[in-house]
Amino acid sequence: MSNIPTLADKLRTLLGLGDAPVGVTFDAADADRAAPVPSQPAGCCFWEPAQRARLDTVASDHANCSVGSYTHGLIPLEIAAAQDDTGALVGSGWVTEEDLEATPALDFKPESITYQPLADASDPDVVLARLTPAALMRLHAAVPELTLAQKPQCMIVPLAHAGQVAVSPGCAVSRTRTSLPDTDLTCAIPAGDLASIVARLESVVSADQMVSAYAAADVEANFSAH
């Protein structure tokens, strides 16, 4: 994907993203563990710092969140379900055991998961981005078949890896751990579909600009105070 930097720039511009999109690569050929990553409460906590720098993670870096470790294929469901943190989620009524069984997960166990600015990723598997409502409006117009994911938020990664554009309103656990602003949502895009989605976004944004100009002129001409 030699045009990744160009696509990353276009995606950010077309969606009006305030933050750089992130590329997620499973088992990157050049993953380097020479510099350990800072400990985090959950895998979703790597998403924000990866907007600025590359992070090469392994299973132990995700171990503080059993559900996230499960969705990322790092541990099986029966192990995740037996952990104290998962018990707290089920015990509170936040999710049920049936919800966990239905939660999407990667169908393989990655040896490493690399997060980095999308523009720096050579062959990403998944693209992560923070969306405003306006950005979601444009993305939904370009990809009307996108999936609105339920909790936990991290399920958007396996969904995108399986070929779905997935948007999450966030979940209470992830929003607390990551300090995700109330104004933001998250989305995951299959990296292999990025070029076609950017092309569709270009058409959507062009049309939006034309109708916005019409609406603004109509308001000015017919409804502004004189």
C-alpha atoms as a PDB file:
ATOM      1  CA  MET A   1       0.000   0.000   0.000  1.00  0.00           C
ATOM      2  CA  SER A   2       2.468   2.613  -1.194  1.00  0.00           C
ATOM      3  CA  ASN A   3      -0.221   5.335  -1.263  1.00  0.00           C
ATOM      4  CA  ILE A   4      -1.116   5.028   2.419  1.00  0.00           C
ATOM      5  CA  PRO A   5       0.247   8.494   3.361  1.00  0.00           C
ATOM      6  CA  THR A   6      -1.893  10.101   0.649  1.00  0.00           C
ATOM      7  CA  LEU A   7      -4.975   8.146   1.686  1.00  0.00           C
ATOM      8  CA  ALA A   8      -4.376   9.025   5.340  1.00  0.00           C
ATOM      9  CA  ASP A   9      -4.214  12.719   4.482  1.00  0.00           C
ATOM     10  CA  LYS A  10      -7.341  12.540   2.329  1.00  0.00           C
ATOM     11  CA  LEU A  11      -9.281  10.628   4.977  1.00  0.00           C
ATOM     12  CA  ARG A  12      -8.388  13.202   7.605  1.00  0.00           C
ATOM     13  CA  THR A  13      -9.332  16.109   5.341  1.00  0.00           C
ATOM     14  CA  LEU A  14     -12.561  14.637   3.991  1.00  0.00           C
ATOM     15  CA  LEU A  15     -13.855  13.662   7.428  1.00  0.00           C
ATOM     16  CA  GLY A  16     -12.512  16.820   9.073  1.00  0.00           C
ATOM     17  CA  LEU A  17     -10.662  14.758  11.664  1.00  0.00           C
ATOM     18  CA  GLY A  18      -9.025  16.641  14.495  1.00  0.00           C
ATOM     19  CA  ASP A  19      -6.713  13.698  15.199  1.00  0.00           C
ATOM     20  CA  ALA A  20      -4.580  11.591  12.915  1.00  0.00           C
ATOM     21  CA  PRO A  21      -6.075   8.223  11.926  1.00  0.00           C
ATOM     22  CA  VAL A  22      -4.265   5.175  13.284  1.00  0.00           C
ATOM     23  CA  GLY A  23      -3.128   2.085  11.448  1.00  0.00           C
ATOM     24  CA  VAL A  24      -3.362  -1.265  13.237  1.00  0.00           C
ATOM     25  CA  THR A  25      -1.171  -4.088  11.948  1.00  0.00           C
ATOM     26  CA  PHE A  26      -1.244  -7.640  13.231  1.00  0.00           C
ATOM     27  CA  ASP A  27       2.093  -9.445  13.249  1.00  0.00           C
ATOM     28  CA  ALA A  28       3.946  -6.626  11.491  1.00  0.00           C
ATOM     29  CA  ALA A  29       7.089  -7.982   9.874  1.00  0.00           C
ATOM     30  CA  ASP A  30       9.224  -5.242  11.417  1.00  0.00           C
ATOM     31  CA  ALA A  31       7.676  -5.183  14.907  1.00  0.00           C
ATOM     32  CA  ASP A  32      10.407  -4.245  17.376  1.00  0.00           C
ATOM     33  CA  ARG A  33      10.155  -4.809  21.119  1.00  0.00           C
ATOM     34  CA  ALA A  34      13.410  -3.035  21.928  1.00  0.00           C
ATOM     35  CA  ALA A  35      11.423  -0.246  23.600  1.00  0.00           C
ATOM     36  CA  PRO A  36       8.637  -1.618  25.850  1.00  0.00           C
ATOM     37  CA  VAL A  37       5.372   0.301  25.700  1.00  0.00           C
ATOM     38  CA  PRO A  38       4.014   2.058  28.807  1.00  0.00           C
ATOM     39  CA  SER A  39       1.525  -0.040  30.758  1.00  0.00           C
ATOM     40  CA  GLN A  40      -2.103   0.714  29.933  1.00  0.00           C
ATOM     41  CA  PRO A  41      -5.448  -0.256  31.526  1.00  0.00           C
ATOM     42  CA  ALA A  42      -6.686  -1.712  28.227  1.00  0.00           C
ATOM     43  CA  GLY A  43      -5.779  -2.146  24.586  1.00  0.00           C
ATOM     44  CA  CYS A  44      -8.049   0.736  23.556  1.00  0.00           C
ATOM     45  CA  CYS A  45      -5.748   3.024  25.548  1.00  0.00           C
ATOM     46  CA  PHE A  46      -3.086   2.539  22.868  1.00  0.00           C
ATOM     47  CA  TRP A  47      -5.272   4.146  20.216  1.00  0.00           C
ATOM     48  CA  GLU A  48      -4.790   7.782  21.257  1.00  0.00           C
ATOM     49  CA  PRO A  49      -0.979   7.777  21.770  1.00  0.00           C
ATOM     50  CA  ALA A  50      -0.624   5.890  18.469  1.00  0.00           C
ATOM     51  CA  GLN A  51      -1.862   9.036  16.721  1.00  0.00           C
ATOM     52  CA  ARG A  52       1.647  10.384  17.377  1.00  0.00           C
ATOM     53  CA  ALA A  53       4.031   7.438  17.707  1.00  0.00           C
ATOM     54  CA  ARG A  54       4.391   3.758  16.868  1.00  0.00           C
ATOM     55  CA  LEU A  55       3.618   1.218  19.569  1.00  0.00           C
ATOM     56  CA  ASP A  56       4.509  -2.460  19.120  1.00  0.00           C
ATOM     57  CA  THR A  57       2.479  -4.452  21.637  1.00  0.00           C
ATOM     58  CA  VAL A  58       2.208  -8.088  22.664  1.00  0.00           C
ATOM     59  CA  ALA A  59      -0.422  -9.997  24.615  1.00  0.00           C
ATOM     60  CA  SER A  60       0.925  -8.987  28.031  1.00  0.00           C
ATOM     61  CA  ASP A  61       0.438  -5.312  27.143  1.00  0.00           C
ATOM     62  CA  HIS A  62      -3.307  -5.965  26.769  1.00  0.00           C
ATOM     63  CA  ALA A  63      -3.664  -8.201  29.809  1.00  0.00           C
ATOM     64  CA  ASN A  64      -5.235  -5.585  32.097  1.00  0.00           C
ATOM     65  CA  CYS A  65      -8.495  -5.883  30.130  1.00  0.00           C
ATOM     66  CA  SER A  66      -9.721  -9.438  29.713  1.00  0.00           C
ATOM     67  CA  VAL A  67     -12.575  -8.577  27.346  1.00  0.00           C
ATOM     68  CA  GLY A  68     -10.235  -6.565  25.109  1.00  0.00           C
ATOM     69  CA  SER A  69      -7.734  -9.411  25.164  1.00  0.00           C
ATOM     70  CA  TYR A  70     -10.522 -11.700  23.988  1.00  0.00           C
ATOM     71  CA  THR A  71     -11.761  -9.443  21.168  1.00  0.00           C
ATOM     72  CA  HIS A  72      -8.190  -9.158  19.898  1.00  0.00           C
ATOM     73  CA  GLY A  73      -7.723 -12.924  19.822  1.00  0.00           C
ATOM     74  CA  LEU A  74      -5.153 -12.952  22.604  1.00  0.00           C
ATOM     75  CA  ILE A  75      -7.043 -15.216  25.022  1.00  0.00           C
ATOM     76  CA  PRO A  76     -10.048 -17.547  24.565  1.00  0.00           C
ATOM     77  CA  LEU A  77     -13.482 -16.572  25.857  1.00  0.00           C
ATOM     78  CA  GLU A  78     -13.451 -19.109  28.679  1.00  0.00           C
ATOM     79  CA  ILE A  79     -10.309 -17.546  30.146  1.00  0.00           C
ATOM     80  CA  ALA A  80     -11.617 -14.005  29.692  1.00  0.00           C
ATOM     81  CA  ALA A  81     -14.937 -14.910  31.312  1.00  0.00           C
ATOM     82  CA  ALA A  82     -13.203 -16.342  34.391  1.00  0.00           C
ATOM     83  CA  GLN A  83     -11.280 -13.146  35.202  1.00  0.00           C
ATOM     84  CA  ASP A  84     -12.239 -10.722  37.981  1.00  0.00           C
ATOM     85  CA  ASP A  85     -12.609  -7.712  35.657  1.00  0.00           C
ATOM     86  CA  THR A  86     -15.040  -9.596  33.422  1.00  0.00           C
ATOM     87  CA  GLY A  87     -16.905 -10.763  36.514  1.00  0.00           C
ATOM     88  CA  ALA A  88     -17.347  -7.135  37.549  1.00  0.00           C
ATOM     89  CA  LEU A  89     -18.862  -6.273  34.164  1.00  0.00           C
ATOM     90  CA  VAL A  90     -21.264  -9.214  34.267  1.00  0.00           C
ATOM     91  CA  GLY A  91     -22.071  -8.767  37.955  1.00  0.00           C
ATOM     92  CA  SER A  92     -23.067  -5.149  37.408  1.00  0.00           C
ATOM     93  CA  GLY A  93     -25.474  -6.088  34.638  1.00  0.00           C
ATOM     94  CA  TRP A  94     -23.406  -4.077  32.130  1.00  0.00           C
ATOM     95  CA  VAL A  95     -23.189  -7.158  29.915  1.00  0.00           C
ATOM     96  CA  THR A  96     -24.522 -10.675  30.195  1.00  0.00           C
ATOM     97  CA  GLU A  97     -22.728 -13.941  29.602  1.00  0.00           C
ATOM     98  CA  GLU A  98     -24.768 -14.226  26.404  1.00  0.00           C
ATOM     99  CA  ASP A  99     -23.523 -10.807  25.304  1.00  0.00           C
ATOM    100  CA  LEU A 100     -19.935 -11.939  25.770  1.00  0.00           C
ATOM    101  CA  GLU A 101     -20.531 -15.111  23.793  1.00  0.00           C
ATOM    102  CA  ALA A 102     -21.904 -13.000  20.916  1.00  0.00           C
ATOM    103  CA  THR A 103     -19.049 -10.474  20.989  1.00  0.00           C
ATOM    104  CA  PRO A 104     -16.918 -10.527  17.818  1.00  0.00           C
ATOM    105  CA  ALA A 105     -13.268 -11.528  18.188  1.00  0.00           C
ATOM    106  CA  LEU A 106     -10.329 -12.118  15.902  1.00  0.00           C
ATOM    107  CA  ASP A 107     -10.230 -15.698  14.689  1.00  0.00           C
ATOM    108  CA  PHE A 108      -6.459 -15.960  15.159  1.00  0.00           C
ATOM    109  CA  LYS A 109      -3.971 -15.142  17.905  1.00  0.00           C
ATOM    110  CA  PRO A 110      -1.581 -12.386  16.852  1.00  0.00           C
ATOM    111  CA  GLU A 111       1.961 -12.498  18.179  1.00  0.00           C
ATOM    112  CA  SER A 112       2.101  -8.703  18.063  1.00  0.00           C
ATOM    113  CA  ILE A 113      -0.245  -5.766  17.452  1.00  0.00           C
ATOM    114  CA  THR A 114       1.293  -2.587  16.092  1.00  0.00           C
ATOM    115  CA  TYR A 115      -0.428   0.782  16.437  1.00  0.00           C
ATOM    116  CA  GLN A 116       0.950   3.846  14.662  1.00  0.00           C
ATOM    117  CA  PRO A 117      -0.052   6.939  12.707  1.00  0.00           C
ATOM    118  CA  LEU A 118      -1.737   5.653   9.566  1.00  0.00           C
ATOM    119  CA  ALA A 119       0.544   7.754   7.383  1.00  0.00           C
ATOM    120  CA  ASP A 120       3.527   5.764   8.705  1.00  0.00           C
ATOM    121  CA  ALA A 121       1.977   2.295   8.325  1.00  0.00           C
ATOM    122  CA  SER A 122       3.222   0.288   5.356  1.00  0.00           C
ATOM    123  CA  ASP A 123       0.661  -2.525   5.359  1.00  0.00           C
ATOM    124  CA  PRO A 124      -2.050  -1.975   7.982  1.00  0.00           C
ATOM    125  CA  ASP A 125      -4.953  -4.336   8.561  1.00  0.00           C
ATOM    126  CA  VAL A 126      -7.362  -1.893  10.225  1.00  0.00           C
ATOM    127  CA  VAL A 127      -7.718   1.898  10.299  1.00  0.00           C
ATOM    128  CA  LEU A 128      -8.977   3.602  13.454  1.00  0.00           C
ATOM    129  CA  ALA A 129     -10.347   7.145  13.565  1.00  0.00           C
ATOM    130  CA  ARG A 130     -12.124   9.425  16.000  1.00  0.00           C
ATOM    131  CA  LEU A 131     -15.285  10.888  14.500  1.00  0.00           C
ATOM    132  CA  THR A 132     -17.400  13.926  15.242  1.00  0.00           C
ATOM    133  CA  PRO A 133     -21.109  13.731  14.394  1.00  0.00           C
ATOM    134  CA  ALA A 134     -20.367  15.654  11.170  1.00  0.00           C
ATOM    135  CA  ALA A 135     -17.679  13.137  10.245  1.00  0.00           C
ATOM    136  CA  LEU A 136     -20.093  10.284  10.929  1.00  0.00           C
ATOM    137  CA  MET A 137     -22.640  11.977   8.667  1.00  0.00           C
ATOM    138  CA  ARG A 138     -20.141  11.908   5.785  1.00  0.00           C
ATOM    139  CA  LEU A 139     -18.908   8.391   6.471  1.00  0.00           C
ATOM    140  CA  HIS A 140     -22.430   7.024   6.709  1.00  0.00           C
ATOM    141  CA  ALA A 141     -23.318   8.654   3.385  1.00  0.00           C
ATOM    142  CA  ALA A 142     -20.260   7.035   1.804  1.00  0.00           C
ATOM    143  CA  VAL A 143     -20.768   3.671   3.518  1.00  0.00           C
ATOM    144  CA  PRO A 144     -24.502   3.290   4.245  1.00  0.00           C
ATOM    145  CA  GLU A 145     -23.963  -0.375   5.116  1.00  0.00           C
ATOM    146  CA  LEU A 146     -21.643   0.458   8.025  1.00  0.00           C
ATOM    147  CA  THR A 147     -22.216  -1.346  11.322  1.00  0.00           C
ATOM    148  CA  LEU A 148     -23.142   0.464  14.539  1.00  0.00           C
ATOM    149  CA  ALA A 149     -21.343  -1.629  17.117  1.00  0.00           C
ATOM    150  CA  GLN A 150     -22.589  -2.302  20.615  1.00  0.00           C
ATOM    151  CA  LYS A 151     -20.388  -2.572  23.702  1.00  0.00           C
ATOM    152  CA  PRO A 152     -17.580  -3.227  24.260  1.00  0.00           C
ATOM    153  CA  GLN A 153     -16.101  -0.585  21.985  1.00  0.00           C
ATOM    154  CA  CYS A 154     -13.074  -2.714  21.107  1.00  0.00           C
ATOM    155  CA  MET A 155     -15.233  -5.078  19.041  1.00  0.00           C
ATOM    156  CA  ILE A 156     -14.879  -2.638  16.131  1.00  0.00           C
ATOM    157  CA  VAL A 157     -11.348  -3.964  15.514  1.00  0.00           C
ATOM    158  CA  PRO A 158     -12.325  -7.588  14.760  1.00  0.00           C
ATOM    159  CA  LEU A 159     -15.378  -6.354  12.856  1.00  0.00           C
ATOM    160  CA  ALA A 160     -13.171  -4.232  10.583  1.00  0.00           C
ATOM    161  CA  HIS A 161     -10.651  -7.038  10.220  1.00  0.00           C
ATOM    162  CA  ALA A 162     -13.543  -9.193   8.975  1.00  0.00           C
ATOM    163  CA  GLY A 163     -14.417  -6.582   6.353  1.00  0.00           C
ATOM    164  CA  GLN A 164     -17.013  -4.328   8.012  1.00  0.00           C
ATOM    165  CA  VAL A 165     -16.790  -0.584   8.554  1.00  0.00           C
ATOM    166  CA  ALA A 166     -17.777  -0.359  12.207  1.00  0.00           C
ATOM    167  CA  VAL A 167     -18.663   2.705  14.256  1.00  0.00           C
ATOM    168  CA  SER A 168     -18.936   2.705  18.031  1.00  0.00           C
ATOM    169  CA  PRO A 169     -20.549   5.363  20.226  1.00  0.00           C
ATOM    170  CA  GLY A 170     -18.010   4.203  22.795  1.00  0.00           C
ATOM    171  CA  CYS A 171     -18.692   2.262  25.936  1.00  0.00           C
ATOM    172  CA  ALA A 172     -18.648   3.381  29.556  1.00  0.00           C
ATOM    173  CA  VAL A 173     -15.561   1.311  30.384  1.00  0.00           C
ATOM    174  CA  SER A 174     -13.506   2.501  27.425  1.00  0.00           C
ATOM    175  CA  ARG A 175     -14.604   6.135  27.708  1.00  0.00           C
ATOM    176  CA  THR A 176     -13.517   6.161  31.351  1.00  0.00           C
ATOM    177  CA  ARG A 177     -10.181   4.506  30.651  1.00  0.00           C
ATOM    178  CA  THR A 178      -9.313   6.589  27.586  1.00  0.00           C
ATOM    179  CA  SER A 179     -10.963   9.905  28.521  1.00  0.00           C
ATOM    180  CA  LEU A 180     -12.658   9.882  25.110  1.00  0.00           C
ATOM    181  CA  PRO A 181     -14.463  13.241  24.775  1.00  0.00           C
ATOM    182  CA  ASP A 182     -18.245  13.163  24.837  1.00  0.00           C
ATOM    183  CA  THR A 183     -18.212  14.785  21.399  1.00  0.00           C
ATOM    184  CA  ASP A 184     -16.280  11.912  19.775  1.00  0.00           C
ATOM    185  CA  LEU A 185     -17.106   8.446  18.462  1.00  0.00           C
ATOM    186  CA  THR A 186     -14.733   5.829  17.133  1.00  0.00           C
ATOM    187  CA  CYS A 187     -14.689   3.904  13.892  1.00  0.00           C
ATOM    188  CA  ALA A 188     -12.685   1.087  12.369  1.00  0.00           C
ATOM    189  CA  ILE A 189     -12.234   0.641   8.640  1.00  0.00           C
ATOM    190  CA  PRO A 190     -10.834  -2.379   6.785  1.00  0.00           C
ATOM    191  CA  ALA A 191      -7.532  -1.073   5.453  1.00  0.00           C
ATOM    192  CA  GLY A 192      -8.001  -2.922   2.179  1.00  0.00           C
ATOM    193  CA  ASP A 193     -11.151  -0.876   1.502  1.00  0.00           C
ATOM    194  CA  LEU A 194      -9.599   2.486   2.362  1.00  0.00           C
ATOM    195  CA  ALA A 195      -8.976   3.639  -1.215  1.00  0.00           C
ATOM    196  CA  SER A 196     -12.541   2.926  -2.351  1.00  0.00           C
ATOM    197  CA  ILE A 197     -13.999   4.562   0.772  1.00  0.00           C
ATOM    198  CA  VAL A 198     -11.891   7.683   0.256  1.00  0.00           C
ATOM    199  CA  ALA A 199     -13.128   7.862  -3.345  1.00  0.00           C
ATOM    200  CA  ARG A 200     -16.737   7.630  -2.160  1.00  0.00           C
ATOM    201  CA  LEU A 201     -16.079  10.265   0.490  1.00  0.00           C
ATOM    202  CA  GLU A 202     -14.784  12.637  -2.166  1.00  0.00           C
ATOM    203  CA  SER A 203     -18.138  12.401  -3.961  1.00  0.00           C
ATOM    204  CA  VAL A 204     -20.079  12.773  -0.704  1.00  0.00           C
ATOM    205  CA  VAL A 205     -18.143  15.828   0.438  1.00  0.00           C
ATOM    206  CA  SER A 206     -18.466  17.480  -2.976  1.00  0.00           C
ATOM    207  CA  ALA A 207     -22.235  16.996  -2.931  1.00  0.00           C
ATOM    208  CA  ASP A 208     -22.469  18.194   0.681  1.00  0.00           C
ATOM    209  CA  GLN A 209     -20.586  21.358  -0.193  1.00  0.00           C
ATOM    210  CA  MET A 210     -22.955  22.107  -3.078  1.00  0.00           C
ATOM    211  CA  VAL A 211     -26.145  21.610  -1.066  1.00  0.00           C
ATOM    212  CA  SER A 212     -24.682  23.505   1.897  1.00  0.00           C
ATOM    213  CA  ALA A 213     -23.924  26.439  -0.377  1.00  0.00           C
ATOM    214  CA  TYR A 214     -27.492  26.306  -1.714  1.00  0.00           C
ATOM    215  CA  ALA A 215     -28.954  26.146   1.799  1.00  0.00           C
ATOM    216  CA  ALA A 216     -26.785  29.027   3.001  1.00  0.00           C
ATOM    217  CA  ALA A 217     -27.781  31.201   0.030  1.00  0.00           C
ATOM    218  CA  ASP A 218     -31.452  30.352   0.579  1.00  0.00           C
ATOM    219  CA  VAL A 219     -31.247  31.348   4.244  1.00  0.00           C
ATOM    220  CA  GLU A 220     -29.443  34.565   3.375  1.00  0.00           C
ATOM    221  CA  ALA A 221     -31.878  35.504   0.631  1.00  0.00           C
ATOM    222  CA  ASN A 222     -35.165  34.525   2.230  1.00  0.00           C
ATOM    223  CA  PHE A 223     -34.817  34.291   5.978  1.00  0.00           C
ATOM    224  CA  SER A 224     -32.152  36.748   7.118  1.00  0.00           C
ATOM    225  CA  ALA A 225     -33.292  39.925   8.848  1.00  0.00           C
ATOM    226  CA  HIS A 226     -33.234  42.953   6.565  1.00  0.00           C
END
